[in-house]
Every structure is written in C-alpha cells, then in structure tokens.
Amino acid sequence: MAEPSPEELKARIAELEQKLSSRRSKNLEFRVSEKGGVSVYGLGRFPVTLYYEQWMRLLGAIDELRSFIEQNKSKLKTKDGDS
C-alpha cells in the first residue's frame, strides 16, 4: 500500500475536522444501539442510552420532570459551572 500524498492527507484532515465540528453542534442525534436501545448523542461527552420502555416511562413523566427541575433550579449546576 502506497503512502498517501500530502494533498491526500490534507483532504483527509479537512474531512475529519468537518465531521468533528458537526458533532460539536447543538444538534441531537438518535441511534439504535447494538443492544437495541435508543442512544442520544450530543448531550455530553457520552451518549445517553435507554431501552424503549425506559424512554416511554421518562417521556410519560415529562411534566413531573420539568416541575422538579424548576423547583430545584437554585441547586442545579449548569455546564459552565454556574449554579
């Protein structure tokens, strides 16, 4: 196998940088995991993966979750470290 040329390496670097920058965007991405769960990418460093029943249970409690978060807002940290 021949060594890639400098131009090919530059093109590959540009391609990888584009993929990396698109992953850093605020967009969420959903995938089905190997074990059949739903994984959410884009919330943090690692994906959040739950099975169907877990997602349905969580989504069914959305009003309670929003209320809990609002009631405890003063105790919660934000990503930039503010409380």
Protein backbone atom coordinates (compact mmCIF):
# COMPACT_ATOMS: atom_id res chain seq x y z
CA MET A 1 0.00 0.00 0.00
CA ALA A 2 1.46 3.36 -1.06
CA GLU A 3 1.91 6.23 1.34
CA PRO A 4 -0.72 8.96 0.89
CA SER A 5 0.42 12.19 -0.71
CA PRO A 6 0.47 15.44 1.27
CA GLU A 7 -2.60 16.59 -0.67
CA GLU A 8 -4.48 13.41 0.24
CA LEU A 9 -3.53 13.85 3.88
CA LYS A 10 -4.71 17.46 3.86
CA ALA A 11 -8.01 16.42 2.29
CA ARG A 12 -8.46 13.69 4.92
CA ILE A 13 -7.68 16.12 7.74
CA ALA A 14 -10.23 18.58 6.38
CA GLU A 15 -12.83 15.79 6.17
CA LEU A 16 -12.20 14.71 9.76
CA GLU A 17 -12.28 18.31 11.02
CA GLN A 18 -15.65 18.78 9.31
CA LYS A 19 -17.03 15.66 10.99
CA LEU A 20 -15.69 16.77 14.35
CA SER A 21 -17.17 20.26 14.09
CA SER A 22 -20.56 18.86 13.08
CA ARG A 23 -20.54 16.61 16.14
CA ARG A 24 -19.89 19.61 18.38
CA SER A 25 -23.02 21.36 17.21
CA LYS A 26 -26.08 21.65 19.43
CA ASN A 27 -27.95 19.10 17.32
CA LEU A 28 -29.02 15.91 18.97
CA GLU A 29 -28.57 12.65 17.12
CA PHE A 30 -30.52 9.47 17.80
CA ARG A 31 -29.30 5.97 17.00
CA VAL A 32 -30.33 2.43 17.79
CA SER A 33 -27.56 0.81 19.82
CA GLU A 34 -26.14 -2.65 19.19
CA LYS A 35 -28.23 -3.97 22.08
CA GLY A 36 -31.45 -2.38 20.81
CA GLY A 37 -31.61 0.73 22.97
CA VAL A 38 -32.09 4.29 21.80
CA SER A 39 -28.91 6.34 22.19
CA VAL A 40 -28.96 10.14 22.25
CA TYR A 41 -25.74 11.82 21.15
CA GLY A 42 -24.98 15.50 21.64
CA LEU A 43 -25.92 15.98 25.29
CA GLY A 44 -22.43 15.46 26.64
CA ARG A 45 -19.26 13.52 26.13
CA PHE A 46 -21.01 10.15 26.13
CA PRO A 47 -24.35 9.11 24.69
CA VAL A 48 -27.40 8.52 26.87
CA THR A 49 -28.85 5.10 26.10
CA LEU A 50 -32.15 3.75 27.37
CA TYR A 51 -34.41 0.95 26.20
CA TYR A 52 -37.83 1.57 24.69
CA GLU A 53 -39.73 1.04 27.94
CA GLN A 54 -37.40 3.39 29.80
CA TRP A 55 -37.84 6.14 27.21
CA MET A 56 -41.63 5.75 27.30
CA ARG A 57 -41.62 5.93 31.10
CA LEU A 58 -39.40 9.02 31.06
CA LEU A 59 -41.46 10.74 28.37
CA GLY A 60 -44.63 9.94 30.31
CA ALA A 61 -43.21 11.78 33.31
CA ILE A 62 -42.12 14.88 31.36
CA ASP A 63 -44.40 17.25 33.28
CA GLU A 64 -43.13 15.96 36.63
CA LEU A 65 -39.53 16.23 35.40
CA ARG A 66 -40.00 19.82 34.26
CA SER A 67 -41.64 20.69 37.57
CA PHE A 68 -38.86 19.02 39.57
CA ILE A 69 -36.18 20.86 37.62
CA GLU A 70 -37.94 24.19 38.07
CA GLN A 71 -38.40 23.61 41.82
CA ASN A 72 -34.72 22.70 42.24
CA LYS A 73 -33.25 25.19 39.80
CA SER A 74 -31.31 27.02 42.51
CA LYS A 75 -29.48 23.79 43.44
CA LEU A 76 -28.63 22.74 39.91
CA LYS A 77 -25.35 23.43 38.14
CA THR A 78 -25.08 24.49 34.54
CA LYS A 79 -22.45 23.26 32.13
CA ASP A 80 -20.44 26.48 32.51
CA GLY A 81 -20.33 25.96 36.28
CA ASP A 82 -22.97 28.47 37.34
CA SER A 83 -25.48 27.45 39.96
